[in-house]
């Protein structure tokens, strides 16, 4: 884990990171998390998954939370899975280098860090935009300048940049169920500069069939190359294993974008290989 910023306690060189797929180098700037939090969460997800698969005890699963584990309150549950998680972590993430911000981390710090890693990676992930310090008195203008810089760096180095951004809070009583481009918090240039915009929304109107599942909508709001098709996928986030399921149900919004309905099988696009009907 490396610390970035003007007031870093430890100054380190920027090294390439490796994503979940072995052999794919990725630089991951985690600007919101605590130092080593990403590594800890990955390991906890591994152990949670093992516990979930190996036990049927109803009193165990509810006690498996990241907070409880960090406080040392889950050791009787995870102790037998600890060595396995360490081994798998080294196999999958042995070259993983995350970068955590120090007290100050702004436009110039990010630009310099990207220049250091760009030649060594295939993807740059920044989590997230609103944790980059804006030095301009005008926040919207500062965000616009940052977005333009990121777009320029992506073009110059020929590397995609995956940028996480916050959404505005919806008005009370709103019937909107999936975010729109105008919902991104800050300057409109956030989406103007981006080539793609993908949004995850909690599907509050969908009842999960298990308490640990959180139904989630996934929609492509912008695709500069192919154009958005208007589909909204419904999948589940597993609170126990801290992961999304590999399948989804493809749908569209109807009734003024206030209702989600599954796409009939005969109308599914050919790329929807992981579609599973909600009725099955």
C-alpha atoms as a PDB file:
ATOM      1  CA  UNK A   1       0.000   0.000   0.000  1.00  0.00           C
ATOM      2  CA  UNK A   2       1.397   3.368  -1.006  1.00  0.00           C
ATOM      3  CA  UNK A   3       0.590   6.850   0.276  1.00  0.00           C
ATOM      4  CA  UNK A   4       0.112   9.697  -2.182  1.00  0.00           C
ATOM      5  CA  UNK A   5      -0.051  13.437  -1.637  1.00  0.00           C
ATOM      6  CA  UNK A   6       1.904  16.491  -0.564  1.00  0.00           C
ATOM      7  CA  UNK A   7       1.924  15.628   3.130  1.00  0.00           C
ATOM      8  CA  UNK A   8       2.506  11.907   2.869  1.00  0.00           C
ATOM      9  CA  UNK A   9       4.214  10.376   5.868  1.00  0.00           C
ATOM     10  CA  UNK A  10       5.911   7.912   3.553  1.00  0.00           C
ATOM     11  CA  UNK A  11       6.912   8.869   0.007  1.00  0.00           C
ATOM     12  CA  UNK A  12       7.001   5.871  -2.322  1.00  0.00           C
ATOM     13  CA  UNK A  13       7.471   5.243  -5.995  1.00  0.00           C
ATOM     14  CA  UNK A  14       4.389   4.372  -7.999  1.00  0.00           C
ATOM     15  CA  UNK A  15       4.258   0.701  -8.971  1.00  0.00           C
ATOM     16  CA  UNK A  16       1.894  -1.210 -11.252  1.00  0.00           C
ATOM     17  CA  UNK A  17      -1.048  -3.019  -9.717  1.00  0.00           C
ATOM     18  CA  UNK A  18      -2.801  -6.210 -10.807  1.00  0.00           C
ATOM     19  CA  UNK A  19      -6.566  -6.585 -11.110  1.00  0.00           C
ATOM     20  CA  UNK A  20      -8.678  -9.592 -10.125  1.00  0.00           C
ATOM     21  CA  UNK A  21      -7.813 -11.202 -13.462  1.00  0.00           C
ATOM     22  CA  UNK A  22      -4.176 -12.398 -13.218  1.00  0.00           C
ATOM     23  CA  UNK A  23      -1.853 -10.786 -15.721  1.00  0.00           C
ATOM     24  CA  UNK A  24      -3.910  -7.610 -16.207  1.00  0.00           C
ATOM     25  CA  UNK A  25      -1.952  -4.698 -14.689  1.00  0.00           C
ATOM     26  CA  UNK A  26      -4.106  -1.994 -13.096  1.00  0.00           C
ATOM     27  CA  UNK A  27      -3.332   1.122 -11.060  1.00  0.00           C
ATOM     28  CA  UNK A  28      -5.977   1.639  -8.355  1.00  0.00           C
ATOM     29  CA  UNK A  29      -6.146   4.975  -6.523  1.00  0.00           C
ATOM     30  CA  UNK A  30      -8.358   4.529  -3.459  1.00  0.00           C
ATOM     31  CA  UNK A  31      -8.809   8.112  -2.292  1.00  0.00           C
ATOM     32  CA  UNK A  32     -11.601   7.527   0.231  1.00  0.00           C
ATOM     33  CA  UNK A  33     -10.552   4.332   2.010  1.00  0.00           C
ATOM     34  CA  UNK A  34      -8.322   3.997   5.056  1.00  0.00           C
ATOM     35  CA  UNK A  35      -4.773   2.664   4.480  1.00  0.00           C
ATOM     36  CA  UNK A  36      -4.859  -1.057   3.589  1.00  0.00           C
ATOM     37  CA  UNK A  37      -8.670  -1.081   3.740  1.00  0.00           C
ATOM     38  CA  UNK A  38      -9.006  -2.476   0.206  1.00  0.00           C
ATOM     39  CA  UNK A  39      -6.680  -5.396   0.988  1.00  0.00           C
ATOM     40  CA  UNK A  40      -8.596  -6.129   4.182  1.00  0.00           C
ATOM     41  CA  UNK A  41     -11.962  -6.015   2.447  1.00  0.00           C
ATOM     42  CA  UNK A  42     -10.759  -8.386  -0.275  1.00  0.00           C
ATOM     43  CA  UNK A  43      -9.565 -10.884   2.323  1.00  0.00           C
ATOM     44  CA  UNK A  44     -12.769 -10.560   4.341  1.00  0.00           C
ATOM     45  CA  UNK A  45     -14.856 -11.224   1.202  1.00  0.00           C
ATOM     46  CA  UNK A  46     -12.867 -14.408   0.584  1.00  0.00           C
ATOM     47  CA  UNK A  47     -13.441 -15.684   4.115  1.00  0.00           C
ATOM     48  CA  UNK A  48     -17.118 -14.684   4.077  1.00  0.00           C
ATOM     49  CA  UNK A  49     -17.628 -16.636   0.891  1.00  0.00           C
ATOM     50  CA  UNK A  50     -16.014 -19.738   2.435  1.00  0.00           C
ATOM     51  CA  UNK A  51     -18.154 -19.437   5.570  1.00  0.00           C
ATOM     52  CA  UNK A  52     -21.283 -18.943   3.482  1.00  0.00           C
ATOM     53  CA  UNK A  53     -20.545 -22.076   1.420  1.00  0.00           C
ATOM     54  CA  UNK A  54     -19.452 -24.340   4.265  1.00  0.00           C
ATOM     55  CA  UNK A  55     -22.075 -23.772   6.953  1.00  0.00           C
ATOM     56  CA  UNK A  56     -25.840 -23.977   7.250  1.00  0.00           C
ATOM     57  CA  UNK A  57     -25.970 -22.556  10.775  1.00  0.00           C
ATOM     58  CA  UNK A  58     -28.415 -19.656  10.902  1.00  0.00           C
ATOM     59  CA  UNK A  59     -26.594 -18.009  13.816  1.00  0.00           C
ATOM     60  CA  UNK A  60     -23.257 -17.748  11.988  1.00  0.00           C
ATOM     61  CA  UNK A  61     -24.021 -15.848   8.771  1.00  0.00           C
ATOM     62  CA  UNK A  62     -25.580 -12.787  10.487  1.00  0.00           C
ATOM     63  CA  UNK A  63     -22.437 -12.445  12.622  1.00  0.00           C
ATOM     64  CA  UNK A  64     -20.187 -12.206   9.558  1.00  0.00           C
ATOM     65  CA  UNK A  65     -19.674  -8.497   8.996  1.00  0.00           C
ATOM     66  CA  UNK A  66     -16.581  -6.523   8.110  1.00  0.00           C
ATOM     67  CA  UNK A  67     -17.012  -4.362  11.207  1.00  0.00           C
ATOM     68  CA  UNK A  68     -17.229  -7.399  13.516  1.00  0.00           C
ATOM     69  CA  UNK A  69     -14.183  -8.986  11.883  1.00  0.00           C
ATOM     70  CA  UNK A  70     -12.131  -5.792  12.244  1.00  0.00           C
ATOM     71  CA  UNK A  71     -13.020  -5.721  15.956  1.00  0.00           C
ATOM     72  CA  UNK A  72     -11.854  -9.324  16.387  1.00  0.00           C
ATOM     73  CA  UNK A  73     -15.384 -10.566  17.109  1.00  0.00           C
ATOM     74  CA  UNK A  74     -15.555 -13.180  14.317  1.00  0.00           C
ATOM     75  CA  UNK A  75     -12.393 -15.163  14.938  1.00  0.00           C
ATOM     76  CA  UNK A  76     -14.280 -18.267  16.072  1.00  0.00           C
ATOM     77  CA  UNK A  77     -16.005 -18.284  12.663  1.00  0.00           C
ATOM     78  CA  UNK A  78     -13.171 -17.384  10.292  1.00  0.00           C
ATOM     79  CA  UNK A  79     -10.144 -18.935  11.994  1.00  0.00           C
ATOM     80  CA  UNK A  80     -10.300 -22.125   9.894  1.00  0.00           C
ATOM     81  CA  UNK A  81     -10.476 -20.078   6.676  1.00  0.00           C
ATOM     82  CA  UNK A  82      -7.727 -17.582   7.454  1.00  0.00           C
ATOM     83  CA  UNK A  83      -4.802 -19.504   5.920  1.00  0.00           C
ATOM     84  CA  UNK A  84      -6.797 -20.311   2.785  1.00  0.00           C
ATOM     85  CA  UNK A  85      -7.668 -16.633   2.325  1.00  0.00           C
ATOM     86  CA  UNK A  86      -4.016 -15.611   2.715  1.00  0.00           C
ATOM     87  CA  UNK A  87      -2.917 -18.160   0.120  1.00  0.00           C
ATOM     88  CA  UNK A  88      -5.584 -17.191  -2.419  1.00  0.00           C
ATOM     89  CA  UNK A  89      -4.883 -13.507  -1.840  1.00  0.00           C
ATOM     90  CA  UNK A  90      -1.217 -14.002  -2.702  1.00  0.00           C
ATOM     91  CA  UNK A  91      -2.123 -16.017  -5.791  1.00  0.00           C
ATOM     92  CA  UNK A  92      -4.597 -13.472  -7.130  1.00  0.00           C
ATOM     93  CA  UNK A  93      -3.331 -10.186  -5.741  1.00  0.00           C
ATOM     94  CA  UNK A  94       0.323 -10.815  -4.956  1.00  0.00           C
ATOM     95  CA  UNK A  95       1.383  -7.844  -7.084  1.00  0.00           C
ATOM     96  CA  UNK A  96      -1.516  -5.616  -6.095  1.00  0.00           C
ATOM     97  CA  UNK A  97      -0.452  -2.081  -5.149  1.00  0.00           C
ATOM     98  CA  UNK A  98      -3.207   0.251  -4.041  1.00  0.00           C
ATOM     99  CA  UNK A  99      -2.621   3.951  -3.493  1.00  0.00           C
ATOM    100  CA  UNK A 100      -4.155   5.832  -0.596  1.00  0.00           C
ATOM    101  CA  UNK A 101      -4.303   9.601  -0.312  1.00  0.00           C
ATOM    102  CA  UNK A 102      -2.523  11.549   2.410  1.00  0.00           C
ATOM    103  CA  UNK A 103      -3.767  14.844   3.886  1.00  0.00           C
ATOM    104  CA  UNK A 104      -3.616  16.715   0.577  1.00  0.00           C
ATOM    105  CA  UNK A 105      -4.226  15.213  -2.833  1.00  0.00           C
ATOM    106  CA  UNK A 106      -5.207  17.487  -5.675  1.00  0.00           C
ATOM    107  CA  UNK A 107      -5.058  18.038  -9.419  1.00  0.00           C
ATOM    108  CA  UNK A 108      -1.257  18.183  -9.667  1.00  0.00           C
ATOM    109  CA  UNK A 109      -0.762  15.142  -7.405  1.00  0.00           C
ATOM    110  CA  UNK A 110      -3.133  13.020  -9.481  1.00  0.00           C
ATOM    111  CA  UNK A 111      -1.629  14.135 -12.782  1.00  0.00           C
ATOM    112  CA  UNK A 112       1.878  13.321 -11.555  1.00  0.00           C
ATOM    113  CA  UNK A 113       0.809   9.909 -10.217  1.00  0.00           C
ATOM    114  CA  UNK A 114      -0.888   8.956 -13.493  1.00  0.00           C
ATOM    115  CA  UNK A 115       2.226   9.921 -15.455  1.00  0.00           C
ATOM    116  CA  UNK A 116       4.269   7.583 -13.246  1.00  0.00           C
ATOM    117  CA  UNK A 117       2.037   4.531 -13.717  1.00  0.00           C
ATOM    118  CA  UNK A 118       0.586   4.976 -17.204  1.00  0.00           C
ATOM    119  CA  UNK A 119       3.356   3.150 -19.087  1.00  0.00           C
ATOM    120  CA  UNK A 120       3.138   0.115 -16.787  1.00  0.00           C
ATOM    121  CA  UNK A 121      -0.607  -0.591 -16.618  1.00  0.00           C
ATOM    122  CA  UNK A 122      -3.558  -1.349 -18.867  1.00  0.00           C
ATOM    123  CA  UNK A 123      -6.212   0.348 -16.756  1.00  0.00           C
ATOM    124  CA  UNK A 124      -6.305   3.199 -14.214  1.00  0.00           C
ATOM    125  CA  UNK A 125      -9.051   3.205 -11.567  1.00  0.00           C
ATOM    126  CA  UNK A 126      -9.767   6.310  -9.455  1.00  0.00           C
ATOM    127  CA  UNK A 127     -12.140   5.982  -6.497  1.00  0.00           C
ATOM    128  CA  UNK A 128     -13.400   8.612  -6.434  1.00  0.00           C
ATOM    129  CA  UNK A 129     -13.642  11.987  -8.241  1.00  0.00           C
ATOM    130  CA  UNK A 130     -15.065  13.935  -5.311  1.00  0.00           C
ATOM    131  CA  UNK A 131     -12.123  13.022  -3.067  1.00  0.00           C
ATOM    132  CA  UNK A 132      -9.698  14.884  -5.317  1.00  0.00           C
ATOM    133  CA  UNK A 133      -9.006  18.246  -3.696  1.00  0.00           C
ATOM    134  CA  UNK A 134     -10.317  21.137  -5.794  1.00  0.00           C
ATOM    135  CA  UNK A 135      -7.935  24.084  -5.546  1.00  0.00           C
ATOM    136  CA  UNK A 136     -10.095  26.428  -7.641  1.00  0.00           C
ATOM    137  CA  UNK A 137     -12.513  28.711  -5.765  1.00  0.00           C
ATOM    138  CA  UNK A 138     -15.161  27.603  -8.254  1.00  0.00           C
ATOM    139  CA  UNK A 139     -15.844  23.915  -7.564  1.00  0.00           C
ATOM    140  CA  UNK A 140     -17.613  23.273 -10.877  1.00  0.00           C
ATOM    141  CA  UNK A 141     -14.726  24.794 -12.820  1.00  0.00           C
ATOM    142  CA  UNK A 142     -12.206  22.798 -10.783  1.00  0.00           C
ATOM    143  CA  UNK A 143     -14.050  19.532 -11.482  1.00  0.00           C
ATOM    144  CA  UNK A 144     -14.258  20.431 -15.179  1.00  0.00           C
ATOM    145  CA  UNK A 145     -10.498  21.042 -15.314  1.00  0.00           C
ATOM    146  CA  UNK A 146      -9.849  17.712 -13.585  1.00  0.00           C
ATOM    147  CA  UNK A 147     -12.102  15.859 -16.030  1.00  0.00           C
ATOM    148  CA  UNK A 148     -10.379  17.449 -19.008  1.00  0.00           C
ATOM    149  CA  UNK A 149      -6.981  16.512 -17.592  1.00  0.00           C
ATOM    150  CA  UNK A 150      -8.074  12.885 -17.116  1.00  0.00           C
ATOM    151  CA  UNK A 151      -9.447  12.716 -20.652  1.00  0.00           C
ATOM    152  CA  UNK A 152      -6.216  14.195 -22.045  1.00  0.00           C
ATOM    153  CA  UNK A 153      -4.071  11.750 -20.044  1.00  0.00           C
ATOM    154  CA  UNK A 154      -6.152   8.823 -21.281  1.00  0.00           C
ATOM    155  CA  UNK A 155      -5.656   9.918 -24.891  1.00  0.00           C
ATOM    156  CA  UNK A 156      -1.950  10.697 -24.517  1.00  0.00           C
ATOM    157  CA  UNK A 157      -1.086   7.350 -22.902  1.00  0.00           C
ATOM    158  CA  UNK A 158      -3.733   5.282 -24.671  1.00  0.00           C
ATOM    159  CA  UNK A 159      -5.016   3.832 -21.380  1.00  0.00           C
ATOM    160  CA  UNK A 160      -8.639   3.792 -20.179  1.00  0.00           C
ATOM    161  CA  UNK A 161      -9.439   5.525 -16.893  1.00  0.00           C
ATOM    162  CA  UNK A 162     -12.310   4.183 -14.781  1.00  0.00           C
ATOM    163  CA  UNK A 163     -13.532   7.030 -12.585  1.00  0.00           C
ATOM    164  CA  UNK A 164     -16.056   6.640  -9.752  1.00  0.00           C
ATOM    165  CA  UNK A 165     -18.290   9.643  -8.998  1.00  0.00           C
ATOM    166  CA  UNK A 166     -21.073  10.506  -6.562  1.00  0.00           C
ATOM    167  CA  UNK A 167     -24.693  11.140  -7.530  1.00  0.00           C
ATOM    168  CA  UNK A 168     -26.907  13.925  -6.238  1.00  0.00           C
ATOM    169  CA  UNK A 169     -29.540  13.041  -3.661  1.00  0.00           C
ATOM    170  CA  UNK A 170     -32.975  12.670  -5.209  1.00  0.00           C
ATOM    171  CA  UNK A 171     -35.812  14.986  -4.305  1.00  0.00           C
ATOM    172  CA  UNK A 172     -38.192  13.729  -1.653  1.00  0.00           C
ATOM    173  CA  UNK A 173     -41.078  11.868  -3.257  1.00  0.00           C
ATOM    174  CA  UNK A 174     -39.281  11.263  -6.528  1.00  0.00           C
ATOM    175  CA  UNK A 175     -40.480   8.169  -8.406  1.00  0.00           C
ATOM    176  CA  UNK A 176     -37.236   7.915 -10.384  1.00  0.00           C
ATOM    177  CA  UNK A 177     -35.702   4.453  -9.956  1.00  0.00           C
ATOM    178  CA  UNK A 178     -32.555   4.729 -12.117  1.00  0.00           C
ATOM    179  CA  UNK A 179     -30.147   7.671 -12.258  1.00  0.00           C
ATOM    180  CA  UNK A 180     -29.828   9.954 -15.274  1.00  0.00           C
ATOM    181  CA  UNK A 181     -26.797  11.793 -16.628  1.00  0.00           C
ATOM    182  CA  UNK A 182     -27.889  15.000 -14.914  1.00  0.00           C
ATOM    183  CA  UNK A 183     -27.750  13.236 -11.540  1.00  0.00           C
ATOM    184  CA  UNK A 184     -23.946  13.205 -11.327  1.00  0.00           C
ATOM    185  CA  UNK A 185     -22.835  15.531  -8.571  1.00  0.00           C
ATOM    186  CA  UNK A 186     -20.878  18.582  -9.753  1.00  0.00           C
ATOM    187  CA  UNK A 187     -20.114  19.972 -13.188  1.00  0.00           C
ATOM    188  CA  UNK A 188     -21.972  18.773 -16.277  1.00  0.00           C
ATOM    189  CA  UNK A 189     -18.522  18.248 -17.805  1.00  0.00           C
ATOM    190  CA  UNK A 190     -18.230  15.018 -15.790  1.00  0.00           C
ATOM    191  CA  UNK A 191     -20.404  13.218 -18.312  1.00  0.00           C
ATOM    192  CA  UNK A 192     -19.512  15.414 -21.276  1.00  0.00           C
ATOM    193  CA  UNK A 193     -15.836  14.393 -21.054  1.00  0.00           C
ATOM    194  CA  UNK A 194     -16.572  10.712 -20.359  1.00  0.00           C
ATOM    195  CA  UNK A 195     -16.861   8.224 -23.215  1.00  0.00           C
ATOM    196  CA  UNK A 196     -19.054   5.905 -21.134  1.00  0.00           C
ATOM    197  CA  UNK A 197     -21.227   6.397 -18.059  1.00  0.00           C
ATOM    198  CA  UNK A 198     -22.400   3.351 -16.089  1.00  0.00           C
ATOM    199  CA  UNK A 199     -24.605   3.617 -13.021  1.00  0.00           C
ATOM    200  CA  UNK A 200     -25.500   1.255 -10.179  1.00  0.00           C
ATOM    201  CA  UNK A 201     -28.733   1.906  -8.270  1.00  0.00           C
ATOM    202  CA  UNK A 202     -30.304   0.038  -5.397  1.00  0.00           C
ATOM    203  CA  UNK A 203     -33.526  -1.598  -6.649  1.00  0.00           C
ATOM    204  CA  UNK A 204     -35.676  -0.652  -3.668  1.00  0.00           C
ATOM    205  CA  UNK A 205     -38.939  -1.899  -5.202  1.00  0.00           C
ATOM    206  CA  UNK A 206     -37.583  -5.425  -5.757  1.00  0.00           C
ATOM    207  CA  UNK A 207     -37.933  -7.811  -2.821  1.00  0.00           C
ATOM    208  CA  UNK A 208     -34.896 -10.093  -2.377  1.00  0.00           C
ATOM    209  CA  UNK A 209     -35.538 -13.780  -1.811  1.00  0.00           C
ATOM    210  CA  UNK A 210     -32.799 -13.864   0.872  1.00  0.00           C
ATOM    211  CA  UNK A 211     -32.080 -11.245   3.517  1.00  0.00           C
ATOM    212  CA  UNK A 212     -28.404 -10.965   2.563  1.00  0.00           C
ATOM    213  CA  UNK A 213     -29.127 -10.093  -1.089  1.00  0.00           C
ATOM    214  CA  UNK A 214     -29.480  -6.502  -2.264  1.00  0.00           C
ATOM    215  CA  UNK A 215     -31.219  -6.157  -5.675  1.00  0.00           C
ATOM    216  CA  UNK A 216     -29.327  -3.677  -7.851  1.00  0.00           C
ATOM    217  CA  UNK A 217     -29.999  -1.988 -11.185  1.00  0.00           C
ATOM    218  CA  UNK A 218     -27.118  -1.535 -13.626  1.00  0.00           C
ATOM    219  CA  UNK A 219     -27.579   0.826 -16.569  1.00  0.00           C
ATOM    220  CA  UNK A 220     -25.378   2.284 -19.305  1.00  0.00           C
ATOM    221  CA  UNK A 221     -26.307   5.968 -19.407  1.00  0.00           C
ATOM    222  CA  UNK A 222     -23.803   6.926 -22.079  1.00  0.00           C
ATOM    223  CA  UNK A 223     -21.856   5.032 -24.719  1.00  0.00           C
ATOM    224  CA  UNK A 224     -20.154   7.427 -27.104  1.00  0.00           C
ATOM    225  CA  UNK A 225     -19.055   4.652 -29.452  1.00  0.00           C
ATOM    226  CA  UNK A 226     -22.132   2.434 -29.621  1.00  0.00           C
ATOM    227  CA  UNK A 227     -24.915   4.534 -28.166  1.00  0.00           C
ATOM    228  CA  UNK A 228     -26.910   3.472 -25.129  1.00  0.00           C
ATOM    229  CA  UNK A 229     -29.573   0.856 -25.829  1.00  0.00           C
ATOM    230  CA  UNK A 230     -31.899   1.725 -22.953  1.00  0.00           C
ATOM    231  CA  UNK A 231     -31.536  -1.615 -21.176  1.00  0.00           C
ATOM    232  CA  UNK A 232     -31.409  -1.854 -17.376  1.00  0.00           C
ATOM    233  CA  UNK A 233     -29.976  -5.041 -15.879  1.00  0.00           C
ATOM    234  CA  UNK A 234     -31.200  -6.341 -12.522  1.00  0.00           C
ATOM    235  CA  UNK A 235     -28.701  -8.299 -10.452  1.00  0.00           C
ATOM    236  CA  UNK A 236     -28.006  -8.992  -6.775  1.00  0.00           C
ATOM    237  CA  UNK A 237     -25.269  -7.772  -4.485  1.00  0.00           C
ATOM    238  CA  UNK A 238     -24.424 -10.356  -1.828  1.00  0.00           C
ATOM    239  CA  UNK A 239     -23.830  -8.617   1.502  1.00  0.00           C
ATOM    240  CA  UNK A 240     -22.174 -11.710   2.947  1.00  0.00           C
ATOM    241  CA  UNK A 241     -19.660 -12.467   0.206  1.00  0.00           C
ATOM    242  CA  UNK A 242     -19.323  -8.764  -0.770  1.00  0.00           C
ATOM    243  CA  UNK A 243     -19.745  -9.513  -4.460  1.00  0.00           C
ATOM    244  CA  UNK A 244     -22.258  -9.269  -7.312  1.00  0.00           C
ATOM    245  CA  UNK A 245     -23.761 -12.432  -8.766  1.00  0.00           C
ATOM    246  CA  UNK A 246     -22.526 -13.445 -12.198  1.00  0.00           C
ATOM    247  CA  UNK A 247     -25.965 -13.433 -13.857  1.00  0.00           C
ATOM    248  CA  UNK A 248     -28.580 -10.740 -14.389  1.00  0.00           C
ATOM    249  CA  UNK A 249     -32.097 -10.199 -15.684  1.00  0.00           C
ATOM    250  CA  UNK A 250     -32.307  -7.742 -18.571  1.00  0.00           C
ATOM    251  CA  UNK A 251     -35.119  -5.214 -18.529  1.00  0.00           C
ATOM    252  CA  UNK A 252     -36.317  -1.778 -19.587  1.00  0.00           C
ATOM    253  CA  UNK A 253     -37.980   1.135 -17.823  1.00  0.00           C
ATOM    254  CA  UNK A 254     -41.658   1.790 -18.568  1.00  0.00           C
ATOM    255  CA  UNK A 255     -44.433   4.130 -17.365  1.00  0.00           C
ATOM    256  CA  UNK A 256     -42.332   7.250 -17.515  1.00  0.00           C
ATOM    257  CA  UNK A 257     -39.183   5.466 -16.316  1.00  0.00           C
ATOM    258  CA  UNK A 258     -40.836   4.641 -12.983  1.00  0.00           C
ATOM    259  CA  UNK A 259     -41.301   0.877 -13.468  1.00  0.00           C
ATOM    260  CA  UNK A 260     -38.780  -1.824 -14.441  1.00  0.00           C
ATOM    261  CA  UNK A 261     -40.012  -4.680 -16.636  1.00  0.00           C
ATOM    262  CA  UNK A 262     -38.142  -7.748 -17.875  1.00  0.00           C
ATOM    263  CA  UNK A 263     -37.371  -7.976 -21.602  1.00  0.00           C
ATOM    264  CA  UNK A 264     -39.202 -10.937 -23.199  1.00  0.00           C
ATOM    265  CA  UNK A 265     -36.910 -13.760 -24.274  1.00  0.00           C
ATOM    266  CA  UNK A 266     -37.694 -13.315 -27.979  1.00  0.00           C
ATOM    267  CA  UNK A 267     -36.541  -9.673 -27.771  1.00  0.00           C
ATOM    268  CA  UNK A 268     -33.239 -10.273 -25.981  1.00  0.00           C
ATOM    269  CA  UNK A 269     -30.100  -8.958 -27.744  1.00  0.00           C
ATOM    270  CA  UNK A 270     -27.553 -11.626 -28.779  1.00  0.00           C
ATOM    271  CA  UNK A 271     -24.963 -10.384 -26.278  1.00  0.00           C
ATOM    272  CA  UNK A 272     -27.192 -11.105 -23.248  1.00  0.00           C
ATOM    273  CA  UNK A 273     -25.470 -14.417 -22.507  1.00  0.00           C
ATOM    274  CA  UNK A 274     -25.880 -14.207 -18.716  1.00  0.00           C
ATOM    275  CA  UNK A 275     -29.535 -13.254 -18.713  1.00  0.00           C
ATOM    276  CA  UNK A 276     -31.703 -15.366 -16.412  1.00  0.00           C
ATOM    277  CA  UNK A 277     -35.448 -14.826 -16.402  1.00  0.00           C
ATOM    278  CA  UNK A 278     -36.732 -13.465 -13.099  1.00  0.00           C
ATOM    279  CA  UNK A 279     -39.431 -16.134 -13.224  1.00  0.00           C
ATOM    280  CA  UNK A 280     -36.874 -18.975 -13.032  1.00  0.00           C
END
